[in-house]
């Protein structure tokens, strides 16, 4: 006769939801909502058609890249998933810096074109 330990018996779905799990899920959802609001604000606060087009492309690429990063962290085995944080920690700030500089450049080009008219 095989005895089942208490942990291996079927339970209700919510039985495994401890405070840490609830906090992790809530934190993830709040983070996604914050990213969506920030993306909307970045696109909404553009001043020209060219700047808006750039921000939409940049936001789409950033969301795709971050989604791929999160998927890789969750799917890869432990030592490799931890090593992914090194390029992420380098590339994310560099990408944000590039985006901000390019947006400033587009605004400068638009204002100089408007001054010439």
N, C-alpha and C. Protein backbone atom coordinates (compact mmCIF):
# COMPACT_ATOMS: atom_id res chain seq x y z
N UNK A 1 0.83 -1.17 0.00
CA UNK A 1 0.00 0.00 0.00
C UNK A 1 0.88 1.25 0.00
N UNK A 2 0.53 2.21 -0.86
CA UNK A 2 1.29 3.45 -0.96
C UNK A 2 0.57 4.51 -0.14
N UNK A 3 1.31 5.11 0.75
CA UNK A 3 0.74 6.19 1.56
C UNK A 3 1.10 7.53 0.93
N UNK A 4 0.12 8.36 0.78
CA UNK A 4 0.36 9.68 0.23
C UNK A 4 0.61 10.67 1.35
N UNK A 5 1.62 11.47 1.14
CA UNK A 5 1.86 12.53 2.12
C UNK A 5 0.78 13.58 1.98
N UNK A 6 0.60 14.34 3.00
CA UNK A 6 -0.47 15.34 2.98
C UNK A 6 -0.26 16.36 1.88
N UNK A 7 1.01 16.71 1.57
CA UNK A 7 1.28 17.73 0.55
C UNK A 7 0.91 17.27 -0.85
N UNK A 8 0.87 15.96 -1.09
CA UNK A 8 0.63 15.48 -2.45
C UNK A 8 -0.84 15.19 -2.73
N UNK A 9 -1.70 15.37 -1.77
CA UNK A 9 -3.11 15.13 -2.01
C UNK A 9 -3.72 16.35 -2.70
N UNK A 10 -4.74 16.13 -3.54
CA UNK A 10 -5.36 17.25 -4.24
C UNK A 10 -6.01 18.22 -3.26
N UNK A 11 -5.88 19.48 -3.55
CA UNK A 11 -6.48 20.53 -2.72
C UNK A 11 -7.25 21.50 -3.60
N UNK A 12 -7.93 22.36 -2.96
CA UNK A 12 -8.62 23.42 -3.70
C UNK A 12 -7.58 24.34 -4.33
N UNK A 13 -7.95 25.01 -5.40
CA UNK A 13 -7.00 25.85 -6.13
C UNK A 13 -6.45 26.97 -5.25
N UNK A 14 -7.26 27.59 -4.46
CA UNK A 14 -6.83 28.71 -3.65
C UNK A 14 -6.04 28.31 -2.42
N UNK A 15 -5.91 27.03 -2.14
CA UNK A 15 -5.23 26.60 -0.93
C UNK A 15 -3.74 26.89 -0.96
N UNK A 16 -3.15 27.01 -2.14
CA UNK A 16 -1.72 27.27 -2.25
C UNK A 16 -1.39 28.76 -2.29
N UNK A 17 -2.36 29.59 -2.18
CA UNK A 17 -2.14 31.03 -2.24
C UNK A 17 -1.77 31.55 -0.86
N UNK A 18 -0.49 31.62 -0.59
CA UNK A 18 -0.03 32.20 0.66
C UNK A 18 0.22 33.69 0.46
N UNK A 19 0.50 34.44 1.52
CA UNK A 19 0.70 35.88 1.37
C UNK A 19 1.82 36.25 0.39
N UNK A 20 2.88 35.47 0.34
CA UNK A 20 3.96 35.75 -0.60
C UNK A 20 3.52 35.61 -2.05
N UNK A 21 2.73 34.59 -2.32
CA UNK A 21 2.21 34.37 -3.68
C UNK A 21 1.24 35.49 -4.06
N UNK A 22 0.39 35.86 -3.14
CA UNK A 22 -0.56 36.94 -3.41
C UNK A 22 0.19 38.24 -3.67
N UNK A 23 1.20 38.53 -2.86
CA UNK A 23 2.00 39.74 -3.06
C UNK A 23 2.73 39.73 -4.39
N UNK A 24 3.25 38.56 -4.78
CA UNK A 24 3.95 38.45 -6.06
C UNK A 24 3.02 38.70 -7.23
N UNK A 25 1.85 38.12 -7.20
CA UNK A 25 0.89 38.31 -8.28
C UNK A 25 0.40 39.75 -8.30
N UNK A 26 0.06 40.30 -7.13
CA UNK A 26 -0.42 41.68 -7.06
C UNK A 26 0.68 42.64 -7.52
N UNK A 27 1.91 42.40 -7.10
CA UNK A 27 3.02 43.26 -7.52
C UNK A 27 3.24 43.21 -9.02
N UNK A 28 3.13 42.02 -9.59
CA UNK A 28 3.27 41.88 -11.04
C UNK A 28 2.18 42.63 -11.79
N UNK A 29 0.95 42.51 -11.32
CA UNK A 29 -0.16 43.20 -11.97
C UNK A 29 -0.04 44.71 -11.83
N UNK A 30 0.40 45.17 -10.67
CA UNK A 30 0.60 46.61 -10.48
C UNK A 30 1.73 47.11 -11.38
N UNK A 31 2.79 46.30 -11.52
CA UNK A 31 3.90 46.68 -12.40
C UNK A 31 3.46 46.77 -13.86
N UNK A 32 2.67 45.82 -14.30
CA UNK A 32 2.17 45.86 -15.68
C UNK A 32 1.27 47.07 -15.88
N UNK A 33 0.40 47.34 -14.92
CA UNK A 33 -0.48 48.51 -15.03
C UNK A 33 0.34 49.80 -15.08
N UNK A 34 1.39 49.89 -14.26
CA UNK A 34 2.25 51.06 -14.29
C UNK A 34 2.96 51.21 -15.62
N UNK A 35 3.40 50.10 -16.19
CA UNK A 35 4.03 50.14 -17.51
C UNK A 35 3.07 50.59 -18.59
N UNK A 36 1.83 50.15 -18.49
CA UNK A 36 0.82 50.56 -19.48
C UNK A 36 0.52 52.05 -19.35
N UNK A 37 0.41 52.54 -18.12
CA UNK A 37 0.15 53.98 -17.92
C UNK A 37 1.34 54.80 -18.41
N UNK A 38 2.55 54.35 -18.10
CA UNK A 38 3.74 55.06 -18.56
C UNK A 38 3.86 55.07 -20.07
N UNK A 39 3.52 53.96 -20.71
CA UNK A 39 3.55 53.89 -22.17
C UNK A 39 2.52 54.84 -22.76
N UNK A 40 1.31 54.82 -22.21
CA UNK A 40 0.27 55.73 -22.70
C UNK A 40 0.70 57.19 -22.54
N UNK A 41 1.27 57.53 -21.38
CA UNK A 41 1.69 58.91 -21.14
C UNK A 41 2.80 59.32 -22.10
N UNK A 42 3.75 58.42 -22.36
CA UNK A 42 4.84 58.73 -23.27
C UNK A 42 4.34 59.00 -24.68
N UNK A 43 3.36 58.24 -25.11
CA UNK A 43 2.81 58.43 -26.46
C UNK A 43 1.88 59.65 -26.48
N UNK A 44 1.09 59.83 -25.44
CA UNK A 44 0.13 60.93 -25.38
C UNK A 44 0.83 62.29 -25.32
N UNK A 45 1.98 62.37 -24.69
CA UNK A 45 2.67 63.64 -24.50
C UNK A 45 3.63 64.00 -25.64
N UNK A 46 3.54 63.31 -26.75
CA UNK A 46 4.38 63.68 -27.89
C UNK A 46 3.81 64.93 -28.55
N UNK A 47 4.68 65.64 -29.26
CA UNK A 47 4.28 66.93 -29.84
C UNK A 47 4.12 66.89 -31.35
N UNK A 48 4.69 65.88 -32.00
CA UNK A 48 4.61 65.84 -33.46
C UNK A 48 4.29 64.43 -33.92
N UNK A 49 3.95 64.34 -35.18
CA UNK A 49 3.64 63.03 -35.77
C UNK A 49 4.88 62.13 -35.78
N UNK A 50 6.03 62.71 -36.11
CA UNK A 50 7.27 61.93 -36.16
C UNK A 50 7.64 61.42 -34.76
N UNK A 51 7.49 62.26 -33.75
CA UNK A 51 7.80 61.86 -32.38
C UNK A 51 6.84 60.77 -31.90
N UNK A 52 5.57 60.90 -32.24
CA UNK A 52 4.58 59.89 -31.86
C UNK A 52 4.89 58.55 -32.51
N UNK A 53 5.24 58.59 -33.80
CA UNK A 53 5.59 57.36 -34.51
C UNK A 53 6.80 56.69 -33.87
N UNK A 54 7.81 57.49 -33.50
CA UNK A 54 9.00 56.96 -32.84
C UNK A 54 8.64 56.32 -31.51
N UNK A 55 7.82 56.99 -30.70
CA UNK A 55 7.47 56.47 -29.38
C UNK A 55 6.65 55.20 -29.48
N UNK A 56 5.75 55.12 -30.46
CA UNK A 56 4.96 53.89 -30.62
C UNK A 56 5.88 52.73 -30.99
N UNK A 57 6.80 52.96 -31.92
CA UNK A 57 7.74 51.90 -32.29
C UNK A 57 8.63 51.51 -31.13
N UNK A 58 9.12 52.51 -30.40
CA UNK A 58 10.00 52.24 -29.27
C UNK A 58 9.25 51.46 -28.18
N UNK A 59 8.03 51.88 -27.86
CA UNK A 59 7.25 51.22 -26.82
C UNK A 59 6.93 49.77 -27.21
N UNK A 60 6.59 49.56 -28.47
CA UNK A 60 6.31 48.20 -28.94
C UNK A 60 7.54 47.31 -28.80
N UNK A 61 8.69 47.83 -29.21
CA UNK A 61 9.93 47.06 -29.07
C UNK A 61 10.30 46.81 -27.62
N UNK A 62 10.10 47.81 -26.77
CA UNK A 62 10.43 47.64 -25.35
C UNK A 62 9.51 46.61 -24.70
N UNK A 63 8.22 46.67 -24.96
CA UNK A 63 7.29 45.68 -24.40
C UNK A 63 7.63 44.27 -24.89
N UNK A 64 7.97 44.14 -26.18
CA UNK A 64 8.33 42.82 -26.72
C UNK A 64 9.62 42.31 -26.08
N UNK A 65 10.62 43.18 -25.95
CA UNK A 65 11.89 42.78 -25.36
C UNK A 65 11.76 42.39 -23.90
N UNK A 66 11.03 43.16 -23.14
CA UNK A 66 10.86 42.86 -21.72
C UNK A 66 10.03 41.59 -21.54
N UNK A 67 9.04 41.39 -22.39
CA UNK A 67 8.24 40.15 -22.33
C UNK A 67 9.12 38.94 -22.63
N UNK A 68 9.97 39.04 -23.64
CA UNK A 68 10.89 37.94 -23.95
C UNK A 68 11.86 37.68 -22.80
N UNK A 69 12.33 38.75 -22.19
CA UNK A 69 13.24 38.61 -21.05
C UNK A 69 12.56 37.87 -19.90
N UNK A 70 11.34 38.27 -19.55
CA UNK A 70 10.62 37.62 -18.46
C UNK A 70 10.34 36.16 -18.78
N UNK A 71 9.96 35.88 -20.02
CA UNK A 71 9.71 34.49 -20.42
C UNK A 71 10.99 33.67 -20.32
N UNK A 72 12.12 34.22 -20.74
CA UNK A 72 13.38 33.50 -20.66
C UNK A 72 13.79 33.25 -19.21
N UNK A 73 13.58 34.24 -18.35
CA UNK A 73 13.92 34.07 -16.93
C UNK A 73 13.08 32.95 -16.32
N UNK A 74 11.80 32.88 -16.70
CA UNK A 74 10.92 31.86 -16.13
C UNK A 74 11.15 30.48 -16.73
N UNK A 75 11.60 30.40 -17.97
CA UNK A 75 11.70 29.11 -18.65
C UNK A 75 13.09 28.48 -18.61
N UNK A 76 14.13 29.28 -18.52
CA UNK A 76 15.49 28.72 -18.51
C UNK A 76 15.84 28.14 -17.14
N UNK A 77 16.71 27.14 -17.12
CA UNK A 77 17.14 26.61 -15.83
C UNK A 77 17.91 27.65 -15.01
N UNK A 78 18.05 27.39 -13.75
CA UNK A 78 18.53 28.36 -12.76
C UNK A 78 19.83 29.10 -13.09
N UNK A 79 20.94 28.51 -13.37
CA UNK A 79 22.11 29.38 -13.53
C UNK A 79 22.00 30.30 -14.75
N UNK A 80 21.35 29.82 -15.81
CA UNK A 80 21.25 30.62 -17.03
C UNK A 80 20.25 31.76 -16.87
N UNK A 81 19.17 31.50 -16.17
CA UNK A 81 18.17 32.55 -15.97
C UNK A 81 18.74 33.69 -15.13
N UNK A 82 19.59 33.37 -14.18
CA UNK A 82 20.21 34.42 -13.37
C UNK A 82 21.21 35.24 -14.18
N UNK A 83 21.89 34.61 -15.12
CA UNK A 83 22.87 35.33 -15.94
C UNK A 83 22.21 36.32 -16.90
N UNK A 84 20.92 36.12 -17.19
CA UNK A 84 20.21 37.04 -18.08
C UNK A 84 20.07 38.43 -17.48
N UNK A 85 20.16 38.53 -16.16
CA UNK A 85 20.02 39.84 -15.52
C UNK A 85 21.19 40.76 -15.84
N UNK A 86 22.34 40.21 -16.17
CA UNK A 86 23.51 41.05 -16.47
C UNK A 86 23.28 41.88 -17.74
N UNK A 87 22.97 41.26 -18.88
CA UNK A 87 22.73 42.10 -20.06
C UNK A 87 21.47 42.97 -19.91
N UNK A 88 20.48 42.47 -19.20
CA UNK A 88 19.26 43.26 -19.00
C UNK A 88 19.56 44.53 -18.22
N UNK A 89 20.36 44.40 -17.17
CA UNK A 89 20.70 45.56 -16.33
C UNK A 89 21.56 46.57 -17.09
N UNK A 90 22.25 46.13 -18.12
CA UNK A 90 23.06 47.04 -18.93
C UNK A 90 22.24 47.64 -20.07
N UNK A 91 21.48 46.78 -20.77
CA UNK A 91 20.76 47.23 -21.96
C UNK A 91 19.54 48.10 -21.66
N UNK A 92 18.84 47.85 -20.56
CA UNK A 92 17.64 48.64 -20.27
C UNK A 92 17.98 50.12 -20.03
N UNK A 93 18.94 50.46 -19.16
CA UNK A 93 19.26 51.89 -19.00
C UNK A 93 19.83 52.52 -20.28
N UNK A 94 20.63 51.76 -21.03
CA UNK A 94 21.16 52.30 -22.28
C UNK A 94 20.03 52.55 -23.28
N UNK A 95 19.07 51.65 -23.33
CA UNK A 95 17.93 51.83 -24.22
C UNK A 95 17.09 53.03 -23.84
N UNK A 96 16.86 53.21 -22.54
CA UNK A 96 16.10 54.37 -22.08
C UNK A 96 16.84 55.65 -22.42
N UNK A 97 18.14 55.66 -22.22
CA UNK A 97 18.95 56.84 -22.54
C UNK A 97 18.88 57.17 -24.04
N UNK A 98 18.98 56.13 -24.87
CA UNK A 98 18.88 56.34 -26.32
C UNK A 98 17.51 56.92 -26.67
N UNK A 99 16.46 56.35 -26.10
CA UNK A 99 15.10 56.81 -26.39
C UNK A 99 14.92 58.27 -26.01
N UNK A 100 15.37 58.64 -24.83
CA UNK A 100 15.23 60.03 -24.38
C UNK A 100 16.02 60.99 -25.27
N UNK A 101 17.23 60.61 -25.66
CA UNK A 101 18.03 61.48 -26.53
C UNK A 101 17.41 61.61 -27.91
N UNK A 102 16.92 60.50 -28.45
CA UNK A 102 16.30 60.55 -29.77
C UNK A 102 15.03 61.39 -29.74
N UNK A 103 14.25 61.27 -28.68
CA UNK A 103 13.04 62.07 -28.56
C UNK A 103 13.39 63.56 -28.48
N UNK A 104 14.43 63.90 -27.72
CA UNK A 104 14.88 65.30 -27.65
C UNK A 104 15.36 65.80 -29.00
N UNK A 105 16.06 64.93 -29.73
CA UNK A 105 16.54 65.30 -31.06
C UNK A 105 15.37 65.56 -32.01
N UNK A 106 14.36 64.72 -31.96
CA UNK A 106 13.18 64.91 -32.81
C UNK A 106 12.49 66.22 -32.47
N UNK A 107 12.36 66.52 -31.18
CA UNK A 107 11.73 67.78 -30.76
C UNK A 107 12.55 68.98 -31.23
N UNK A 108 13.88 68.89 -31.15
CA UNK A 108 14.74 69.99 -31.60
C UNK A 108 14.59 70.19 -33.11
N UNK A 109 14.55 69.10 -33.86
CA UNK A 109 14.37 69.19 -35.31
C UNK A 109 13.03 69.82 -35.65
N UNK A 110 11.98 69.43 -34.93
CA UNK A 110 10.65 69.97 -35.20
C UNK A 110 10.57 71.46 -34.87
N UNK A 111 11.21 71.86 -33.77
CA UNK A 111 11.15 73.28 -33.40
C UNK A 111 11.99 74.13 -34.35
N UNK A 112 13.12 73.61 -34.83
CA UNK A 112 13.93 74.38 -35.78
C UNK A 112 13.22 74.48 -37.13
N UNK A 113 12.49 73.43 -37.52
CA UNK A 113 11.73 73.48 -38.77
C UNK A 113 10.58 74.48 -38.65
N UNK A 114 9.97 74.55 -37.46
CA UNK A 114 8.87 75.49 -37.25
C UNK A 114 9.41 76.93 -37.23
N UNK A 115 10.60 77.14 -36.73
CA UNK A 115 11.18 78.48 -36.68
C UNK A 115 11.55 78.98 -38.07
N UNK A 116 11.89 78.08 -38.98
CA UNK A 116 12.26 78.47 -40.34
C UNK A 116 11.06 78.92 -41.14
N UNK A 117 9.87 78.50 -40.74
CA UNK A 117 8.66 78.85 -41.51
C UNK A 117 8.22 80.22 -41.21
